Amino acid sequence: MTKDIRQKQSRALSWIVSLLNQHQISFLICGGLAAIGYGSNRKLHDIDLFVTSNHFNKVVSLGDEYISKPAQRYCEVTEGWDLEYVQFVYHGIKIEIGNPNGAKFFQSKK
């Protein structure tokens, strides 16, 4: 991964965390970023977060100028999930914010 991509990811993460903190919205880091936090060497494809369901719509409106996938329920059985989320693209970096209400994750063997 190039230094430029890492810098863009860092700026995107700083942007979304600052926005959430400014509005006192709690969040949970998940996906690749969480795996890296636990020591994985995997490549970071996007930034995945969850916010509480009562703050989800507020987050969508706060980042509306960066929406690339509208807030709705998406089901990706091959990827192993079914949930409502919104995708922002901040300076070329995808940020996906999920709503935990009714979220489902699947085991690939079942």
PDB file of N, CA and C in Angstrom:
ATOM      1  N   MET A   1       0.840  -1.170   0.000  1.00  0.00           N
ATOM      2  CA  MET A   1       0.000   0.000   0.000  1.00  0.00           C
ATOM      3  C   MET A   1       0.890   1.239   0.000  1.00  0.00           C
ATOM      4  N   THR A   2       0.509   2.214  -0.793  1.00  0.00           N
ATOM      5  CA  THR A   2       1.342   3.399  -0.898  1.00  0.00           C
ATOM      6  C   THR A   2       1.121   4.340   0.284  1.00  0.00           C
ATOM      7  N   LYS A   3       2.110   5.161   0.497  1.00  0.00           N
ATOM      8  CA  LYS A   3       2.035   6.151   1.569  1.00  0.00           C
ATOM      9  C   LYS A   3       0.861   7.100   1.335  1.00  0.00           C
ATOM     10  N   ASP A   4       0.593   7.437   0.067  1.00  0.00           N
ATOM     11  CA  ASP A   4      -0.512   8.330  -0.274  1.00  0.00           C
ATOM     12  C   ASP A   4      -1.859   7.748   0.148  1.00  0.00           C
ATOM     13  N   ILE A   5      -2.073   6.453  -0.103  1.00  0.00           N
ATOM     14  CA  ILE A   5      -3.330   5.802   0.288  1.00  0.00           C
ATOM     15  C   ILE A   5      -3.471   5.800   1.806  1.00  0.00           C
ATOM     16  N   ARG A   6      -2.398   5.462   2.505  1.00  0.00           N
ATOM     17  CA  ARG A   6      -2.444   5.457   3.979  1.00  0.00           C
ATOM     18  C   ARG A   6      -2.778   6.847   4.521  1.00  0.00           C
ATOM     19  N   GLN A   7      -2.218   7.881   3.905  1.00  0.00           N
ATOM     20  CA  GLN A   7      -2.512   9.246   4.351  1.00  0.00           C
ATOM     21  C   GLN A   7      -3.978   9.599   4.101  1.00  0.00           C
ATOM     22  N   LYS A   8      -4.514   9.191   2.946  1.00  0.00           N
ATOM     23  CA  LYS A   8      -5.929   9.437   2.651  1.00  0.00           C
ATOM     24  C   LYS A   8      -6.823   8.686   3.632  1.00  0.00           C
ATOM     25  N   GLN A   9      -6.465   7.445   3.949  1.00  0.00           N
ATOM     26  CA  GLN A   9      -7.242   6.668   4.921  1.00  0.00           C
ATOM     27  C   GLN A   9      -7.208   7.336   6.287  1.00  0.00           C
ATOM     28  N   SER A  10      -6.051   7.814   6.678  1.00  0.00           N
ATOM     29  CA  SER A  10      -5.909   8.493   7.963  1.00  0.00           C
ATOM     30  C   SER A  10      -6.754   9.767   8.002  1.00  0.00           C
ATOM     31  N   ARG A  11      -6.754  10.536   6.918  1.00  0.00           N
ATOM     32  CA  ARG A  11      -7.574  11.753   6.855  1.00  0.00           C
ATOM     33  C   ARG A  11      -9.060  11.419   6.899  1.00  0.00           C
ATOM     34  N   ALA A  12      -9.457  10.367   6.183  1.00  0.00           N
ATOM     35  CA  ALA A  12     -10.870   9.957   6.175  1.00  0.00           C
ATOM     36  C   ALA A  12     -11.305   9.515   7.565  1.00  0.00           C
ATOM     37  N   LEU A  13     -10.459   8.731   8.227  1.00  0.00           N
ATOM     38  CA  LEU A  13     -10.775   8.288   9.580  1.00  0.00           C
ATOM     39  C   LEU A  13     -10.861   9.476  10.529  1.00  0.00           C
ATOM     40  N   SER A  14      -9.936  10.400  10.419  1.00  0.00           N
ATOM     41  CA  SER A  14      -9.962  11.601  11.270  1.00  0.00           C
ATOM     42  C   SER A  14     -11.231  12.406  11.027  1.00  0.00           C
ATOM     43  N   TRP A  15     -11.635  12.535   9.764  1.00  0.00           N
ATOM     44  CA  TRP A  15     -12.843  13.288   9.428  1.00  0.00           C
ATOM     45  C   TRP A  15     -14.072  12.681  10.086  1.00  0.00           C
ATOM     46  N   ILE A  16     -14.272  11.380   9.891  1.00  0.00           N
ATOM     47  CA  ILE A  16     -15.505  10.760  10.403  1.00  0.00           C
ATOM     48  C   ILE A  16     -15.496  10.694  11.935  1.00  0.00           C
ATOM     49  N   VAL A  17     -14.356  10.412  12.535  1.00  0.00           N
ATOM     50  CA  VAL A  17     -14.280  10.367  14.005  1.00  0.00           C
ATOM     51  C   VAL A  17     -14.523  11.764  14.585  1.00  0.00           C
ATOM     52  N   SER A  18     -13.957  12.789  13.966  1.00  0.00           N
ATOM     53  CA  SER A  18     -14.183  14.165  14.437  1.00  0.00           C
ATOM     54  C   SER A  18     -15.650  14.543  14.330  1.00  0.00           C
ATOM     55  N   LEU A  19     -16.277  14.176  13.206  1.00  0.00           N
ATOM     56  CA  LEU A  19     -17.687  14.473  13.001  1.00  0.00           C
ATOM     57  C   LEU A  19     -18.549  13.788  14.064  1.00  0.00           C
ATOM     58  N   LEU A  20     -18.278  12.518  14.309  1.00  0.00           N
ATOM     59  CA  LEU A  20     -19.040  11.774  15.304  1.00  0.00           C
ATOM     60  C   LEU A  20     -18.798  12.323  16.710  1.00  0.00           C
ATOM     61  N   ASN A  21     -17.555  12.603  17.041  1.00  0.00           N
ATOM     62  CA  ASN A  21     -17.239  13.152  18.360  1.00  0.00           C
ATOM     63  C   ASN A  21     -17.871  14.529  18.568  1.00  0.00           C
ATOM     64  N   GLN A  22     -17.847  15.358  17.522  1.00  0.00           N
ATOM     65  CA  GLN A  22     -18.423  16.703  17.598  1.00  0.00           C
ATOM     66  C   GLN A  22     -19.907  16.646  17.953  1.00  0.00           C
ATOM     67  N   HIS A  23     -20.589  15.618  17.477  1.00  0.00           N
ATOM     68  CA  HIS A  23     -22.016  15.471  17.730  1.00  0.00           C
ATOM     69  C   HIS A  23     -22.316  14.448  18.831  1.00  0.00           C
ATOM     70  N   GLN A  24     -21.266  14.063  19.555  1.00  0.00           N
ATOM     71  CA  GLN A  24     -21.371  13.133  20.685  1.00  0.00           C
ATOM     72  C   GLN A  24     -22.095  11.845  20.302  1.00  0.00           C
ATOM     73  N   ILE A  25     -21.677  11.281  19.162  1.00  0.00           N
ATOM     74  CA  ILE A  25     -22.251  10.035  18.669  1.00  0.00           C
ATOM     75  C   ILE A  25     -21.243   8.916  18.892  1.00  0.00           C
ATOM     76  N   SER A  26     -21.622   7.957  19.712  1.00  0.00           N
ATOM     77  CA  SER A  26     -20.754   6.800  19.976  1.00  0.00           C
ATOM     78  C   SER A  26     -20.688   5.930  18.727  1.00  0.00           C
ATOM     79  N   PHE A  27     -19.558   5.264  18.553  1.00  0.00           N
ATOM     80  CA  PHE A  27     -19.383   4.398  17.390  1.00  0.00           C
ATOM     81  C   PHE A  27     -18.531   3.196  17.745  1.00  0.00           C
ATOM     82  N   LEU A  28     -18.609   2.201  16.900  1.00  0.00           N
ATOM     83  CA  LEU A  28     -17.844   0.976  17.053  1.00  0.00           C
ATOM     84  C   LEU A  28     -17.060   0.751  15.760  1.00  0.00           C
ATOM     85  N   ILE A  29     -15.794   0.503  15.874  1.00  0.00           N
ATOM     86  CA  ILE A  29     -14.951   0.201  14.712  1.00  0.00           C
ATOM     87  C   ILE A  29     -15.047  -1.289  14.437  1.00  0.00           C
ATOM     88  N   CYS A  30     -15.252  -1.662  13.190  1.00  0.00           N
ATOM     89  CA  CYS A  30     -15.350  -3.073  12.824  1.00  0.00           C
ATOM     90  C   CYS A  30     -14.634  -3.302  11.497  1.00  0.00           C
ATOM     91  N   GLY A  31     -14.776  -4.485  10.942  1.00  0.00           N
ATOM     92  CA  GLY A  31     -14.179  -4.797   9.642  1.00  0.00           C
ATOM     93  C   GLY A  31     -12.653  -4.815   9.674  1.00  0.00           C
ATOM     94  N   GLY A  32     -12.084  -4.438   8.556  1.00  0.00           N
ATOM     95  CA  GLY A  32     -10.632  -4.489   8.390  1.00  0.00           C
ATOM     96  C   GLY A  32      -9.864  -3.621   9.368  1.00  0.00           C
ATOM     97  N   LEU A  33     -10.400  -2.449   9.678  1.00  0.00           N
ATOM     98  CA  LEU A  33      -9.711  -1.559  10.614  1.00  0.00           C
ATOM     99  C   LEU A  33      -9.630  -2.186  11.997  1.00  0.00           C
ATOM    100  N   ALA A  34     -10.706  -2.833  12.430  1.00  0.00           N
ATOM    101  CA  ALA A  34     -10.676  -3.526  13.721  1.00  0.00           C
ATOM    102  C   ALA A  34      -9.679  -4.675  13.688  1.00  0.00           C
ATOM    103  N   ALA A  35      -9.659  -5.414  12.576  1.00  0.00           N
ATOM    104  CA  ALA A  35      -8.712  -6.531  12.448  1.00  0.00           C
ATOM    105  C   ALA A  35      -7.272  -6.029  12.531  1.00  0.00           C
ATOM    106  N   ILE A  36      -6.999  -4.910  11.880  1.00  0.00           N
ATOM    107  CA  ILE A  36      -5.648  -4.327  11.927  1.00  0.00           C
ATOM    108  C   ILE A  36      -5.314  -3.902  13.358  1.00  0.00           C
ATOM    109  N   GLY A  37      -6.311  -3.362  14.054  1.00  0.00           N
ATOM    110  CA  GLY A  37      -6.112  -2.975  15.454  1.00  0.00           C
ATOM    111  C   GLY A  37      -5.743  -4.143  16.343  1.00  0.00           C
ATOM    112  N   TYR A  38      -6.166  -5.346  15.946  1.00  0.00           N
ATOM    113  CA  TYR A  38      -5.834  -6.562  16.692  1.00  0.00           C
ATOM    114  C   TYR A  38      -4.592  -7.258  16.141  1.00  0.00           C
ATOM    115  N   GLY A  39      -3.892  -6.604  15.202  1.00  0.00           N
ATOM    116  CA  GLY A  39      -2.613  -7.137  14.744  1.00  0.00           C
ATOM    117  C   GLY A  39      -2.604  -7.781  13.375  1.00  0.00           C
ATOM    118  N   SER A  40      -3.727  -7.803  12.674  1.00  0.00           N
ATOM    119  CA  SER A  40      -3.761  -8.387  11.331  1.00  0.00           C
ATOM    120  C   SER A  40      -2.945  -7.535  10.362  1.00  0.00           C
ATOM    121  N   ASN A  41      -2.399  -8.189   9.366  1.00  0.00           N
ATOM    122  CA  ASN A  41      -1.653  -7.483   8.318  1.00  0.00           C
ATOM    123  C   ASN A  41      -2.475  -7.294   7.054  1.00  0.00           C
ATOM    124  N   ARG A  42      -3.778  -7.490   7.145  1.00  0.00           N
ATOM    125  CA  ARG A  42      -4.627  -7.402   5.954  1.00  0.00           C
ATOM    126  C   ARG A  42      -4.694  -5.979   5.409  1.00  0.00           C
ATOM    127  N   LYS A  43      -4.964  -5.890   4.127  1.00  0.00           N
ATOM    128  CA  LYS A  43      -5.093  -4.608   3.442  1.00  0.00           C
ATOM    129  C   LYS A  43      -6.419  -3.968   3.843  1.00  0.00           C
ATOM    130  N   LEU A  44      -6.403  -2.682   4.066  1.00  0.00           N
ATOM    131  CA  LEU A  44      -7.604  -1.948   4.434  1.00  0.00           C
ATOM    132  C   LEU A  44      -8.301  -1.467   3.161  1.00  0.00           C
ATOM    133  N   HIS A  45      -9.511  -1.968   2.919  1.00  0.00           N
ATOM    134  CA  HIS A  45     -10.266  -1.586   1.724  1.00  0.00           C
ATOM    135  C   HIS A  45     -11.206  -0.418   1.981  1.00  0.00           C
ATOM    136  N   ASP A  46     -11.717  -0.326   3.192  1.00  0.00           N
ATOM    137  CA  ASP A  46     -12.623   0.749   3.568  1.00  0.00           C
ATOM    138  C   ASP A  46     -12.625   0.874   5.084  1.00  0.00           C
ATOM    139  N   ILE A  47     -13.340   1.863   5.560  1.00  0.00           N
ATOM    140  CA  ILE A  47     -13.469   2.084   6.999  1.00  0.00           C
ATOM    141  C   ILE A  47     -14.899   1.718   7.374  1.00  0.00           C
ATOM    142  N   ASP A  48     -15.054   0.747   8.258  1.00  0.00           N
ATOM    143  CA  ASP A  48     -16.373   0.257   8.663  1.00  0.00           C
ATOM    144  C   ASP A  48     -16.639   0.628  10.116  1.00  0.00           C
ATOM    145  N   LEU A  49     -17.788   1.243  10.341  1.00  0.00           N
ATOM    146  CA  LEU A  49     -18.194   1.642  11.679  1.00  0.00           C
ATOM    147  C   LEU A  49     -19.665   1.306  11.888  1.00  0.00           C
ATOM    148  N   PHE A  50     -20.061   1.174  13.127  1.00  0.00           N
ATOM    149  CA  PHE A  50     -21.468   1.105  13.503  1.00  0.00           C
ATOM    150  C   PHE A  50     -21.740   2.263  14.453  1.00  0.00           C
ATOM    151  N   VAL A  51     -22.936   2.835  14.333  1.00  0.00           N
ATOM    152  CA  VAL A  51     -23.425   3.809  15.310  1.00  0.00           C
ATOM    153  C   VAL A  51     -24.738   3.244  15.852  1.00  0.00           C
ATOM    154  N   THR A  52     -25.186   3.745  16.973  1.00  0.00           N
ATOM    155  CA  THR A  52     -26.457   3.258  17.512  1.00  0.00           C
ATOM    156  C   THR A  52     -27.596   3.620  16.559  1.00  0.00           C
ATOM    157  N   SER A  53     -28.621   2.793  16.560  1.00  0.00           N
ATOM    158  CA  SER A  53     -29.722   2.997  15.611  1.00  0.00           C
ATOM    159  C   SER A  53     -30.402   4.357  15.781  1.00  0.00           C
ATOM    160  N   ASN A  54     -30.436   4.884  17.000  1.00  0.00           N
ATOM    161  CA  ASN A  54     -31.082   6.191  17.194  1.00  0.00           C
ATOM    162  C   ASN A  54     -30.252   7.358  16.644  1.00  0.00           C
ATOM    163  N   HIS A  55     -28.980   7.115  16.309  1.00  0.00           N
ATOM    164  CA  HIS A  55     -28.137   8.161  15.708  1.00  0.00           C
ATOM    165  C   HIS A  55     -27.873   7.938  14.214  1.00  0.00           C
ATOM    166  N   PHE A  56     -28.314   6.813  13.686  1.00  0.00           N
ATOM    167  CA  PHE A  56     -27.989   6.467  12.302  1.00  0.00           C
ATOM    168  C   PHE A  56     -28.440   7.545  11.303  1.00  0.00           C
ATOM    169  N   ASN A  57     -29.697   7.954  11.371  1.00  0.00           N
ATOM    170  CA  ASN A  57     -30.203   8.955  10.419  1.00  0.00           C
ATOM    171  C   ASN A  57     -29.489  10.295  10.551  1.00  0.00           C
ATOM    172  N   LYS A  58     -29.103  10.657  11.755  1.00  0.00           N
ATOM    173  CA  LYS A  58     -28.349  11.901  11.958  1.00  0.00           C
ATOM    174  C   LYS A  58     -26.996  11.815  11.268  1.00  0.00           C
ATOM    175  N   VAL A  59     -26.331  10.673  11.391  1.00  0.00           N
ATOM    176  CA  VAL A  59     -25.026  10.494  10.733  1.00  0.00           C
ATOM    177  C   VAL A  59     -25.182  10.596   9.220  1.00  0.00           C
ATOM    178  N   VAL A  60     -26.245   9.986   8.703  1.00  0.00           N
ATOM    179  CA  VAL A  60     -26.503  10.059   7.254  1.00  0.00           C
ATOM    180  C   VAL A  60     -26.636  11.518   6.830  1.00  0.00           C
ATOM    181  N   SER A  61     -27.385  12.300   7.571  1.00  0.00           N
ATOM    182  CA  SER A  61     -27.576  13.703   7.186  1.00  0.00           C
ATOM    183  C   SER A  61     -26.302  14.530   7.380  1.00  0.00           C
ATOM    184  N   LEU A  62     -25.508  14.215   8.384  1.00  0.00           N
ATOM    185  CA  LEU A  62     -24.266  14.956   8.610  1.00  0.00           C
ATOM    186  C   LEU A  62     -23.258  14.765   7.476  1.00  0.00           C
ATOM    187  N   GLY A  63     -23.264  13.584   6.880  1.00  0.00           N
ATOM    188  CA  GLY A  63     -22.301  13.305   5.816  1.00  0.00           C
ATOM    189  C   GLY A  63     -22.911  13.310   4.433  1.00  0.00           C
ATOM    190  N   ASP A  64     -24.082  13.913   4.276  1.00  0.00           N
ATOM    191  CA  ASP A  64     -24.837  13.774   3.024  1.00  0.00           C
ATOM    192  C   ASP A  64     -24.073  14.204   1.774  1.00  0.00           C
ATOM    193  N   GLU A  65     -23.163  15.148   1.873  1.00  0.00           N
ATOM    194  CA  GLU A  65     -22.432  15.580   0.678  1.00  0.00           C
ATOM    195  C   GLU A  65     -21.430  14.528   0.187  1.00  0.00           C
ATOM    196  N   TYR A  66     -21.148  13.529   1.005  1.00  0.00           N
ATOM    197  CA  TYR A  66     -20.185  12.486   0.637  1.00  0.00           C
ATOM    198  C   TYR A  66     -20.840  11.132   0.347  1.00  0.00           C
ATOM    199  N   ILE A  67     -22.173  11.066   0.329  1.00  0.00           N
ATOM    200  CA  ILE A  67     -22.862   9.787   0.124  1.00  0.00           C
ATOM    201  C   ILE A  67     -22.601   9.240  -1.276  1.00  0.00           C
ATOM    202  N   SER A  68     -22.161   7.983  -1.324  1.00  0.00           N
ATOM    203  CA  SER A  68     -21.989   7.294  -2.610  1.00  0.00           C
ATOM    204  C   SER A  68     -22.943   6.112  -2.733  1.00  0.00           C
ATOM    205  N   LYS A  69     -23.407   5.592  -1.601  1.00  0.00           N
ATOM    206  CA  LYS A  69     -24.455   4.569  -1.553  1.00  0.00           C
ATOM    207  C   LYS A  69     -25.455   5.047  -0.525  1.00  0.00           C
ATOM    208  N   PRO A  70     -26.713   5.203  -0.922  1.00  0.00           N
ATOM    209  CA  PRO A  70     -27.703   5.736   0.029  1.00  0.00           C
ATOM    210  C   PRO A  70     -27.969   4.787   1.186  1.00  0.00           C
ATOM    211  N   ALA A  71     -28.449   5.352   2.263  1.00  0.00           N
ATOM    212  CA  ALA A  71     -28.797   4.559   3.439  1.00  0.00           C
ATOM    213  C   ALA A  71     -29.986   3.678   3.115  1.00  0.00           C
ATOM    214  N   GLN A  72     -29.755   2.391   3.117  1.00  0.00           N
ATOM    215  CA  GLN A  72     -30.811   1.402   2.919  1.00  0.00           C
ATOM    216  C   GLN A  72     -30.279   0.045   3.337  1.00  0.00           C
ATOM    217  N   ARG A  73     -31.143  -0.937   3.316  1.00  0.00           N
ATOM    218  CA  ARG A  73     -30.751  -2.294   3.677  1.00  0.00           C
ATOM    219  C   ARG A  73     -30.079  -2.942   2.471  1.00  0.00           C
ATOM    220  N   TYR A  74     -28.920  -3.532   2.707  1.00  0.00           N
ATOM    221  CA  TYR A  74     -28.169  -4.259   1.683  1.00  0.00           C
ATOM    222  C   TYR A  74     -27.942  -5.675   2.195  1.00  0.00           C
ATOM    223  N   CYS A  75     -28.080  -6.641   1.317  1.00  0.00           N
ATOM    224  CA  CYS A  75     -27.851  -8.039   1.679  1.00  0.00           C
ATOM    225  C   CYS A  75     -26.812  -8.616   0.727  1.00  0.00           C
ATOM    226  N   GLU A  76     -25.696  -9.025   1.249  1.00  0.00           N
ATOM    227  CA  GLU A  76     -24.614  -9.644   0.486  1.00  0.00           C
ATOM    228  C   GLU A  76     -24.347 -11.018   1.086  1.00  0.00           C
ATOM    229  N   VAL A  77     -25.104 -11.995   0.635  1.00  0.00           N
ATOM    230  CA  VAL A  77     -24.988 -13.344   1.194  1.00  0.00           C
ATOM    231  C   VAL A  77     -23.577 -13.892   0.988  1.00  0.00           C
ATOM    232  N   THR A  78     -22.976 -13.637  -0.182  1.00  0.00           N
ATOM    233  CA  THR A  78     -21.621 -14.149  -0.434  1.00  0.00           C
ATOM    234  C   THR A  78     -20.592 -13.481   0.473  1.00  0.00           C
ATOM    235  N   GLU A  79     -20.871 -12.255   0.892  1.00  0.00           N
ATOM    236  CA  GLU A  79     -19.975 -11.552   1.815  1.00  0.00           C
ATOM    237  C   GLU A  79     -20.301 -11.879   3.265  1.00  0.00           C
ATOM    238  N   GLY A  80     -21.538 -12.347   3.505  1.00  0.00           N
ATOM    239  CA  GLY A  80     -21.906 -12.796   4.836  1.00  0.00           C
ATOM    240  C   GLY A  80     -22.636 -11.797   5.701  1.00  0.00           C
ATOM    241  N   TRP A  81     -23.344 -10.834   5.093  1.00  0.00           N
ATOM    242  CA  TRP A  81     -24.048  -9.879   5.930  1.00  0.00           C
ATOM    243  C   TRP A  81     -25.328  -9.372   5.269  1.00  0.00           C
ATOM    244  N   ASP A  82     -26.218  -8.855   6.127  1.00  0.00           N
ATOM    245  CA  ASP A  82     -27.496  -8.289   5.727  1.00  0.00           C
ATOM    246  C   ASP A  82     -27.780  -7.175   6.731  1.00  0.00           C
ATOM    247  N   LEU A  83     -27.659  -5.926   6.307  1.00  0.00           N
ATOM    248  CA  LEU A  83     -27.834  -4.817   7.222  1.00  0.00           C
ATOM    249  C   LEU A  83     -28.095  -3.517   6.494  1.00  0.00           C
ATOM    250  N   GLU A  84     -28.554  -2.536   7.240  1.00  0.00           N
ATOM    251  CA  GLU A  84     -28.725  -1.182   6.717  1.00  0.00           C
ATOM    252  C   GLU A  84     -27.413  -0.429   6.929  1.00  0.00           C
ATOM    253  N   TYR A  85     -26.966   0.223   5.875  1.00  0.00           N
ATOM    254  CA  TYR A  85     -25.781   1.069   6.020  1.00  0.00           C
ATOM    255  C   TYR A  85     -25.789   2.172   4.979  1.00  0.00           C
ATOM    256  N   VAL A  86     -24.943   3.134   5.183  1.00  0.00           N
ATOM    257  CA  VAL A  86     -24.703   4.209   4.239  1.00  0.00           C
ATOM    258  C   VAL A  86     -23.212   4.183   3.911  1.00  0.00           C
ATOM    259  N   GLN A  87     -22.890   4.522   2.679  1.00  0.00           N
ATOM    260  CA  GLN A  87     -21.476   4.592   2.296  1.00  0.00           C
ATOM    261  C   GLN A  87     -21.152   6.025   1.904  1.00  0.00           C
ATOM    262  N   PHE A  88     -20.116   6.565   2.520  1.00  0.00           N
ATOM    263  CA  PHE A  88     -19.566   7.857   2.143  1.00  0.00           C
ATOM    264  C   PHE A  88     -18.259   7.592   1.400  1.00  0.00           C
ATOM    265  N   VAL A  89     -17.899   8.487   0.514  1.00  0.00           N
ATOM    266  CA  VAL A  89     -16.558   8.480  -0.064  1.00  0.00           C
ATOM    267  C   VAL A  89     -15.957   9.836   0.257  1.00  0.00           C
ATOM    268  N   TYR A  90     -14.935   9.805   1.088  1.00  0.00           N
ATOM    269  CA  TYR A  90     -14.259  11.027   1.534  1.00  0.00           C
ATOM    270  C   TYR A  90     -12.878  11.040   0.909  1.00  0.00           C
ATOM    271  N   HIS A  91     -12.681  11.899  -0.059  1.00  0.00           N
ATOM    272  CA  HIS A  91     -11.414  12.024  -0.783  1.00  0.00           C
ATOM    273  C   HIS A  91     -10.898  10.668  -1.282  1.00  0.00           C
ATOM    274  N   GLY A  92     -11.817   9.902  -1.873  1.00  0.00           N
ATOM    275  CA  GLY A  92     -11.457   8.627  -2.486  1.00  0.00           C
ATOM    276  C   GLY A  92     -11.472   7.423  -1.554  1.00  0.00           C
ATOM    277  N   ILE A  93     -11.763   7.615  -0.280  1.00  0.00           N
ATOM    278  CA  ILE A  93     -11.776   6.521   0.699  1.00  0.00           C
ATOM    279  C   ILE A  93     -13.217   6.215   1.102  1.00  0.00           C
ATOM    280  N   LYS A  94     -13.594   4.952   1.001  1.00  0.00           N
ATOM    281  CA  LYS A  94     -14.942   4.525   1.387  1.00  0.00           C
ATOM    282  C   LYS A  94     -15.051   4.422   2.900  1.00  0.00           C
ATOM    283  N   ILE A  95     -16.151   4.963   3.409  1.00  0.00           N
ATOM    284  CA  ILE A  95     -16.491   4.860   4.828  1.00  0.00           C
ATOM    285  C   ILE A  95     -17.911   4.320   4.880  1.00  0.00           C
ATOM    286  N   GLU A  96     -18.084   3.176   5.509  1.00  0.00           N
ATOM    287  CA  GLU A  96     -19.405   2.571   5.612  1.00  0.00           C
ATOM    288  C   GLU A  96     -19.853   2.587   7.065  1.00  0.00           C
ATOM    289  N   ILE A  97     -21.016   3.196   7.280  1.00  0.00           N
ATOM    290  CA  ILE A  97     -21.576   3.326   8.618  1.00  0.00           C
ATOM    291  C   ILE A  97     -22.824   2.454   8.682  1.00  0.00           C
ATOM    292  N   GLY A  98     -22.829   1.496   9.589  1.00  0.00           N
ATOM    293  CA  GLY A  98     -23.939   0.569   9.709  1.00  0.00           C
ATOM    294  C   GLY A  98     -24.871   0.901  10.852  1.00  0.00           C
ATOM    295  N   ASN A  99     -26.111   0.468  10.671  1.00  0.00           N
ATOM    296  CA  ASN A  99     -27.138   0.547  11.696  1.00  0.00           C
ATOM    297  C   ASN A  99     -27.272  -0.860  12.287  1.00  0.00           C
ATOM    298  N   PRO A 100     -27.023  -1.042  13.572  1.00  0.00           N
ATOM    299  CA  PRO A 100     -27.071  -2.397  14.145  1.00  0.00           C
ATOM    300  C   PRO A 100     -28.475  -2.988  14.251  1.00  0.00           C
ATOM    301  N   ASN A 101     -29.497  -2.163  14.120  1.00  0.00           N
ATOM    302  CA  ASN A 101     -30.873  -2.639  14.261  1.00  0.00           C
ATOM    303  C   ASN A 101     -31.202  -3.656  13.164  1.00  0.00           C
ATOM    304  N   GLY A 102     -31.382  -4.914  13.550  1.00  0.00           N
ATOM    305  CA  GLY A 102     -31.720  -5.973  12.599  1.00  0.00           C
ATOM    306  C   GLY A 102     -30.568  -6.485  11.760  1.00  0.00           C
ATOM    307  N   ALA A 103     -29.343  -6.087  12.081  1.00  0.00           N
ATOM    308  CA  ALA A 103     -28.181  -6.539  11.307  1.00  0.00           C
ATOM    309  C   ALA A 103     -27.994  -8.044  11.471  1.00  0.00           C
ATOM    310  N   LYS A 104     -27.628  -8.706  10.368  1.00  0.00           N
ATOM    311  CA  LYS A 104     -27.380 -10.152  10.390  1.00  0.00           C
ATOM    312  C   LYS A 104     -26.037 -10.434   9.731  1.00  0.00           C
ATOM    313  N   PHE A 105     -25.294 -11.335  10.354  1.00  0.00           N
ATOM    314  CA  PHE A 105     -24.021 -11.792   9.814  1.00  0.00           C
ATOM    315  C   PHE A 105     -24.072 -13.304   9.714  1.00  0.00           C
ATOM    316  N   PHE A 106     -23.544 -13.849   8.639  1.00  0.00           N
ATOM    317  CA  PHE A 106     -23.670 -15.263   8.361  1.00  0.00           C
ATOM    318  C   PHE A 106     -22.330 -15.977   8.422  1.00  0.00           C
ATOM    319  N   GLN A 107     -22.367 -17.241   8.789  1.00  0.00           N
ATOM    320  CA  GLN A 107     -21.187 -18.096   8.708  1.00  0.00           C
ATOM    321  C   GLN A 107     -21.140 -18.677   7.306  1.00  0.00           C
ATOM    322  N   SER A 108     -19.982 -18.674   6.687  1.00  0.00           N
ATOM    323  CA  SER A 108     -19.874 -19.137   5.315  1.00  0.00           C
ATOM    324  C   SER A 108     -20.202 -20.628   5.164  1.00  0.00           C
ATOM    325  N   LYS A 109     -20.006 -21.422   6.196  1.00  0.00           N
ATOM    326  CA  LYS A 109     -20.273 -22.863   6.102  1.00  0.00           C
ATOM    327  C   LYS A 109     -21.746 -23.194   6.286  1.00  0.00           C
ATOM    328  N   LYS A 110     -22.529 -22.251   6.789  1.00  0.00           N
ATOM    329  CA  LYS A 110     -23.957 -22.479   7.001  1.00  0.00           C
ATOM    330  C   LYS A 110     -24.747 -21.582   6.096  1.00  0.00           C
TER     331      LYS A 110
END
